[in-house]
Every structure is written in C-alpha cells, then in structure tokens.
C-alpha cells in the first residue's frame, strides 16, 4: 500500500466508539480506507467498539461488498474474499474458516 500524499511520517488510528450502530459502521469505514489505500496502524475502541477492534485482526483485508456476521473473528493478516457467517473465525490468505459458533 502506498503512502497518500502529505501523510509521510504520520500514523493512522481508527477509534471506534460505543454503541452497536457505530461499531457496525466501522466495518464499512475499514473497507473505504482500504480501497483508498490508507493503511491503519492501530484500531482501538470503547465498550462495543473495543470488541470490534479486537475481532478484526491487524492488517486484515476485507474485499468490498462482503458481509461479516456478528461476533465473527477475522485473523490478523487475513484476506477475506467471501462472506463470513456470524460467530465464525477465519484466518489466512485467502481466509478459510477454522471455527464456527457453538
């Protein structure tokens, strides 16, 4: 990923607030940032936002127009190329499911 003009030496943090709607919106924002070539250095959040921050691993890539189910876990560095069911854990490139919700 190239560094956008005027951002040399800067770091980007995605901060996700509390509340389920804000948390869900963060997934769409991550897709837009990736499409625009803006790398995320850190993801943090409070309340529900911290859960979303923890469940999307650092460096994960999620292709546009995919659905990520509630409580899904995306492993660090994974490349998600198809929808992920709620409660599923996916890892790898391309991402493959290693666990489903009980």
N, C-alpha and C. Protein backbone atom coordinates (compact mmCIF):
# COMPACT_ATOMS: atom_id res chain seq x y z
N UNK A 1 0.85 -1.17 0.00
CA UNK A 1 0.00 0.00 0.00
C UNK A 1 0.89 1.23 0.00
N UNK A 2 0.64 2.17 -0.88
CA UNK A 2 1.45 3.38 -0.94
C UNK A 2 0.96 4.40 0.09
N UNK A 3 1.88 5.29 0.45
CA UNK A 3 1.53 6.34 1.40
C UNK A 3 0.87 7.49 0.66
N UNK A 4 -0.34 7.89 1.04
CA UNK A 4 -1.01 9.01 0.37
C UNK A 4 -0.18 10.29 0.50
N UNK A 5 -0.27 11.19 -0.51
CA UNK A 5 0.49 12.44 -0.46
C UNK A 5 0.19 13.23 0.82
N UNK A 6 1.22 13.84 1.38
CA UNK A 6 1.05 14.68 2.56
C UNK A 6 0.92 13.92 3.87
N UNK A 7 1.14 12.60 3.87
CA UNK A 7 0.98 11.84 5.10
C UNK A 7 2.30 11.19 5.55
N UNK A 8 3.40 11.55 4.93
CA UNK A 8 4.68 10.93 5.27
C UNK A 8 4.99 11.11 6.76
N UNK A 9 5.29 10.01 7.40
CA UNK A 9 5.62 10.04 8.82
C UNK A 9 4.42 10.05 9.75
N UNK A 10 3.22 10.13 9.22
CA UNK A 10 2.02 10.14 10.06
C UNK A 10 1.54 8.72 10.28
N UNK A 11 0.86 8.51 11.38
CA UNK A 11 0.26 7.21 11.68
C UNK A 11 -1.24 7.40 11.76
N UNK A 12 -1.99 6.36 11.40
CA UNK A 12 -3.45 6.44 11.37
C UNK A 12 -4.02 5.47 12.37
N UNK A 13 -4.87 5.98 13.26
CA UNK A 13 -5.57 5.14 14.23
C UNK A 13 -7.06 5.23 13.96
N UNK A 14 -7.73 4.09 13.96
CA UNK A 14 -9.18 4.05 13.85
C UNK A 14 -9.72 3.87 15.26
N UNK A 15 -10.51 4.84 15.72
CA UNK A 15 -11.08 4.80 17.06
C UNK A 15 -12.58 4.55 16.92
N UNK A 16 -13.07 3.44 17.48
CA UNK A 16 -14.47 3.06 17.36
C UNK A 16 -15.17 3.33 18.68
N UNK A 17 -16.23 4.13 18.63
CA UNK A 17 -16.97 4.48 19.83
C UNK A 17 -17.92 3.38 20.28
N UNK A 18 -18.58 3.65 21.39
CA UNK A 18 -19.54 2.69 21.96
C UNK A 18 -20.83 2.70 21.16
N UNK A 19 -21.56 1.61 21.21
CA UNK A 19 -22.85 1.51 20.53
C UNK A 19 -22.76 0.63 19.31
N UNK A 20 -23.73 -0.26 19.16
CA UNK A 20 -23.67 -1.26 18.09
C UNK A 20 -23.72 -0.64 16.69
N UNK A 21 -24.46 0.45 16.50
CA UNK A 21 -24.54 1.07 15.18
C UNK A 21 -23.19 1.64 14.78
N UNK A 22 -22.52 2.32 15.71
CA UNK A 22 -21.20 2.87 15.41
C UNK A 22 -20.21 1.75 15.10
N UNK A 23 -20.32 0.67 15.83
CA UNK A 23 -19.42 -0.46 15.62
C UNK A 23 -19.62 -1.07 14.24
N UNK A 24 -20.85 -1.25 13.84
CA UNK A 24 -21.14 -1.82 12.52
C UNK A 24 -20.68 -0.88 11.41
N UNK A 25 -20.81 0.42 11.62
CA UNK A 25 -20.37 1.39 10.63
C UNK A 25 -18.86 1.33 10.43
N UNK A 26 -18.13 0.94 11.45
CA UNK A 26 -16.67 0.86 11.35
C UNK A 26 -16.24 -0.15 10.30
N UNK A 27 -17.00 -1.22 10.10
CA UNK A 27 -16.65 -2.21 9.07
C UNK A 27 -16.68 -1.57 7.69
N UNK A 28 -17.71 -0.77 7.42
CA UNK A 28 -17.79 -0.07 6.14
C UNK A 28 -16.65 0.92 5.98
N UNK A 29 -16.32 1.61 7.05
CA UNK A 29 -15.22 2.58 7.01
C UNK A 29 -13.90 1.88 6.71
N UNK A 30 -13.68 0.72 7.30
CA UNK A 30 -12.45 -0.03 7.03
C UNK A 30 -12.33 -0.38 5.55
N UNK A 31 -13.44 -0.75 4.93
CA UNK A 31 -13.43 -1.08 3.50
C UNK A 31 -13.06 0.14 2.67
N UNK A 32 -13.62 1.31 3.01
CA UNK A 32 -13.34 2.53 2.26
C UNK A 32 -11.87 2.93 2.42
N UNK A 33 -11.36 2.87 3.64
CA UNK A 33 -9.97 3.23 3.88
C UNK A 33 -9.03 2.32 3.09
N UNK A 34 -9.34 1.02 3.04
CA UNK A 34 -8.53 0.09 2.29
C UNK A 34 -8.59 0.40 0.80
N UNK A 35 -9.79 0.67 0.29
CA UNK A 35 -9.96 0.99 -1.13
C UNK A 35 -9.17 2.23 -1.52
N UNK A 36 -9.10 3.20 -0.61
CA UNK A 36 -8.38 4.45 -0.88
C UNK A 36 -6.88 4.34 -0.61
N UNK A 37 -6.44 3.16 -0.16
CA UNK A 37 -5.02 2.95 0.08
C UNK A 37 -4.50 3.57 1.36
N UNK A 38 -5.39 3.80 2.32
CA UNK A 38 -4.99 4.38 3.61
C UNK A 38 -4.79 3.25 4.61
N UNK A 39 -3.55 3.06 5.00
CA UNK A 39 -3.22 1.98 5.93
C UNK A 39 -3.60 2.37 7.36
N UNK A 40 -4.13 1.42 8.10
CA UNK A 40 -4.48 1.62 9.51
C UNK A 40 -3.34 1.05 10.35
N UNK A 41 -2.77 1.88 11.21
CA UNK A 41 -1.69 1.43 12.07
C UNK A 41 -2.20 0.85 13.38
N UNK A 42 -3.39 1.27 13.79
CA UNK A 42 -3.89 0.86 15.10
C UNK A 42 -5.41 0.96 15.11
N UNK A 43 -6.08 0.01 15.77
CA UNK A 43 -7.53 0.06 15.95
C UNK A 43 -7.81 -0.02 17.44
N UNK A 44 -8.55 0.94 17.97
CA UNK A 44 -8.92 0.94 19.39
C UNK A 44 -10.40 1.28 19.50
N UNK A 45 -10.98 0.99 20.64
CA UNK A 45 -12.38 1.31 20.83
C UNK A 45 -12.78 1.22 22.29
N UNK A 46 -13.97 1.72 22.59
CA UNK A 46 -14.50 1.61 23.95
C UNK A 46 -15.82 0.85 23.89
N UNK A 47 -16.14 0.14 24.93
CA UNK A 47 -17.37 -0.64 25.03
C UNK A 47 -17.45 -1.60 23.86
N UNK A 48 -18.56 -1.57 23.09
CA UNK A 48 -18.71 -2.45 21.95
C UNK A 48 -17.63 -2.23 20.90
N UNK A 49 -17.15 -1.00 20.79
CA UNK A 49 -16.08 -0.68 19.83
C UNK A 49 -14.81 -1.45 20.10
N UNK A 50 -14.52 -1.71 21.36
CA UNK A 50 -13.32 -2.47 21.67
C UNK A 50 -13.45 -3.92 21.23
N UNK A 51 -14.68 -4.45 21.25
CA UNK A 51 -14.89 -5.81 20.76
C UNK A 51 -14.65 -5.89 19.26
N UNK A 52 -15.17 -4.91 18.52
CA UNK A 52 -14.95 -4.91 17.08
C UNK A 52 -13.46 -4.72 16.78
N UNK A 53 -12.80 -3.87 17.54
CA UNK A 53 -11.37 -3.66 17.32
C UNK A 53 -10.61 -4.95 17.54
N UNK A 54 -11.00 -5.72 18.52
CA UNK A 54 -10.30 -6.97 18.81
C UNK A 54 -10.61 -8.05 17.81
N UNK A 55 -11.79 -8.04 17.23
CA UNK A 55 -12.21 -9.12 16.35
C UNK A 55 -11.75 -8.96 14.91
N UNK A 56 -11.27 -7.78 14.53
CA UNK A 56 -10.72 -7.59 13.19
C UNK A 56 -9.22 -7.45 13.36
N UNK A 57 -8.50 -8.50 12.98
CA UNK A 57 -7.06 -8.52 13.21
C UNK A 57 -6.32 -7.47 12.40
N UNK A 58 -5.19 -7.02 12.93
CA UNK A 58 -4.35 -6.02 12.29
C UNK A 58 -3.92 -6.50 10.92
N UNK A 59 -4.05 -5.66 9.93
CA UNK A 59 -3.62 -5.98 8.58
C UNK A 59 -4.60 -6.83 7.78
N UNK A 60 -5.76 -7.12 8.36
CA UNK A 60 -6.77 -7.91 7.63
C UNK A 60 -7.33 -7.10 6.47
N UNK A 61 -7.57 -7.76 5.36
CA UNK A 61 -8.17 -7.11 4.20
C UNK A 61 -9.53 -7.76 3.94
N UNK A 62 -10.55 -6.93 3.82
CA UNK A 62 -11.90 -7.42 3.55
C UNK A 62 -12.34 -6.81 2.23
N UNK A 63 -12.57 -7.67 1.23
CA UNK A 63 -12.95 -7.17 -0.08
C UNK A 63 -14.31 -6.46 -0.01
N UNK A 64 -14.53 -5.49 -0.92
CA UNK A 64 -15.78 -4.72 -0.90
C UNK A 64 -17.01 -5.61 -1.08
N UNK A 65 -18.12 -5.14 -0.57
CA UNK A 65 -19.45 -5.76 -0.73
C UNK A 65 -19.58 -7.12 -0.05
N UNK A 66 -18.77 -7.40 0.93
CA UNK A 66 -18.89 -8.65 1.68
C UNK A 66 -19.62 -8.39 2.98
N UNK A 67 -20.22 -9.43 3.50
CA UNK A 67 -20.94 -9.35 4.77
C UNK A 67 -20.13 -10.09 5.84
N UNK A 68 -19.88 -9.40 6.95
CA UNK A 68 -19.20 -10.01 8.09
C UNK A 68 -20.24 -10.13 9.20
N UNK A 69 -20.55 -11.36 9.62
CA UNK A 69 -21.58 -11.59 10.62
C UNK A 69 -21.19 -11.13 12.01
N UNK A 70 -22.20 -10.97 12.86
CA UNK A 70 -21.97 -10.58 14.25
C UNK A 70 -21.04 -11.58 14.93
N UNK A 71 -20.14 -11.07 15.73
CA UNK A 71 -19.22 -11.86 16.55
C UNK A 71 -18.26 -12.72 15.73
N UNK A 72 -18.08 -12.38 14.46
CA UNK A 72 -17.08 -13.08 13.64
C UNK A 72 -15.69 -12.62 14.06
N UNK A 73 -14.71 -13.47 13.88
CA UNK A 73 -13.32 -13.15 14.20
C UNK A 73 -12.52 -13.26 12.91
N UNK A 74 -11.86 -12.16 12.53
CA UNK A 74 -11.02 -12.12 11.33
C UNK A 74 -9.58 -12.10 11.81
N UNK A 75 -8.81 -13.11 11.46
CA UNK A 75 -7.42 -13.21 11.91
C UNK A 75 -6.53 -12.12 11.33
N UNK A 76 -5.47 -11.78 12.06
CA UNK A 76 -4.51 -10.78 11.60
C UNK A 76 -3.92 -11.20 10.27
N UNK A 77 -3.88 -10.27 9.32
CA UNK A 77 -3.30 -10.53 8.02
C UNK A 77 -4.18 -11.32 7.07
N UNK A 78 -5.40 -11.67 7.49
CA UNK A 78 -6.29 -12.46 6.64
C UNK A 78 -6.79 -11.63 5.46
N UNK A 79 -7.07 -12.30 4.34
CA UNK A 79 -7.69 -11.66 3.19
C UNK A 79 -9.05 -12.33 3.00
N UNK A 80 -10.11 -11.58 3.31
CA UNK A 80 -11.46 -12.13 3.26
C UNK A 80 -12.02 -11.90 1.86
N UNK A 81 -12.35 -13.01 1.15
CA UNK A 81 -12.82 -12.90 -0.23
C UNK A 81 -14.28 -13.35 -0.38
N UNK A 82 -14.88 -13.82 0.71
CA UNK A 82 -16.30 -14.20 0.66
C UNK A 82 -16.93 -13.87 2.02
N UNK A 83 -18.27 -13.87 2.07
CA UNK A 83 -18.99 -13.55 3.29
C UNK A 83 -18.53 -14.44 4.45
N UNK A 84 -18.55 -13.88 5.66
CA UNK A 84 -18.19 -14.62 6.87
C UNK A 84 -19.43 -14.70 7.76
N UNK A 85 -19.81 -15.90 8.12
CA UNK A 85 -21.00 -16.11 8.95
C UNK A 85 -20.77 -15.60 10.37
N UNK A 86 -21.86 -15.24 11.04
CA UNK A 86 -21.78 -14.81 12.43
C UNK A 86 -21.15 -15.89 13.30
N UNK A 87 -20.25 -15.48 14.16
CA UNK A 87 -19.60 -16.41 15.08
C UNK A 87 -18.46 -17.21 14.49
N UNK A 88 -18.21 -17.06 13.19
CA UNK A 88 -17.13 -17.83 12.55
C UNK A 88 -15.78 -17.18 12.82
N UNK A 89 -14.74 -17.98 12.82
CA UNK A 89 -13.36 -17.50 12.90
C UNK A 89 -12.68 -17.86 11.59
N UNK A 90 -12.11 -16.86 10.91
CA UNK A 90 -11.42 -17.10 9.65
C UNK A 90 -9.98 -16.60 9.74
N UNK A 91 -9.07 -17.31 9.08
CA UNK A 91 -7.65 -16.95 9.05
C UNK A 91 -7.09 -17.26 7.67
N UNK A 92 -5.96 -16.65 7.35
CA UNK A 92 -5.23 -16.98 6.15
C UNK A 92 -5.54 -16.12 4.95
N UNK A 93 -4.81 -16.42 3.85
CA UNK A 93 -4.97 -15.70 2.60
C UNK A 93 -5.04 -16.72 1.48
N UNK A 94 -6.19 -16.94 0.88
CA UNK A 94 -7.49 -16.36 1.25
C UNK A 94 -7.99 -16.94 2.57
N UNK A 95 -8.84 -16.17 3.24
CA UNK A 95 -9.34 -16.58 4.55
C UNK A 95 -10.13 -17.88 4.46
N UNK A 96 -9.89 -18.76 5.40
CA UNK A 96 -10.65 -20.00 5.49
C UNK A 96 -11.18 -20.14 6.92
N UNK A 97 -12.35 -20.73 7.04
CA UNK A 97 -12.98 -20.87 8.34
C UNK A 97 -12.30 -21.98 9.13
N UNK A 98 -11.94 -21.66 10.38
CA UNK A 98 -11.34 -22.69 11.25
C UNK A 98 -12.22 -23.03 12.43
N UNK A 99 -13.26 -22.20 12.65
CA UNK A 99 -14.14 -22.43 13.80
C UNK A 99 -15.49 -21.78 13.53
N UNK A 100 -16.55 -22.43 14.00
CA UNK A 100 -17.89 -21.84 13.92
C UNK A 100 -18.44 -21.68 15.33
N UNK A 101 -19.45 -20.84 15.45
CA UNK A 101 -20.07 -20.64 16.76
C UNK A 101 -20.72 -21.93 17.22
N UNK A 102 -20.66 -22.16 18.52
CA UNK A 102 -21.25 -23.39 19.09
C UNK A 102 -22.75 -23.27 19.19
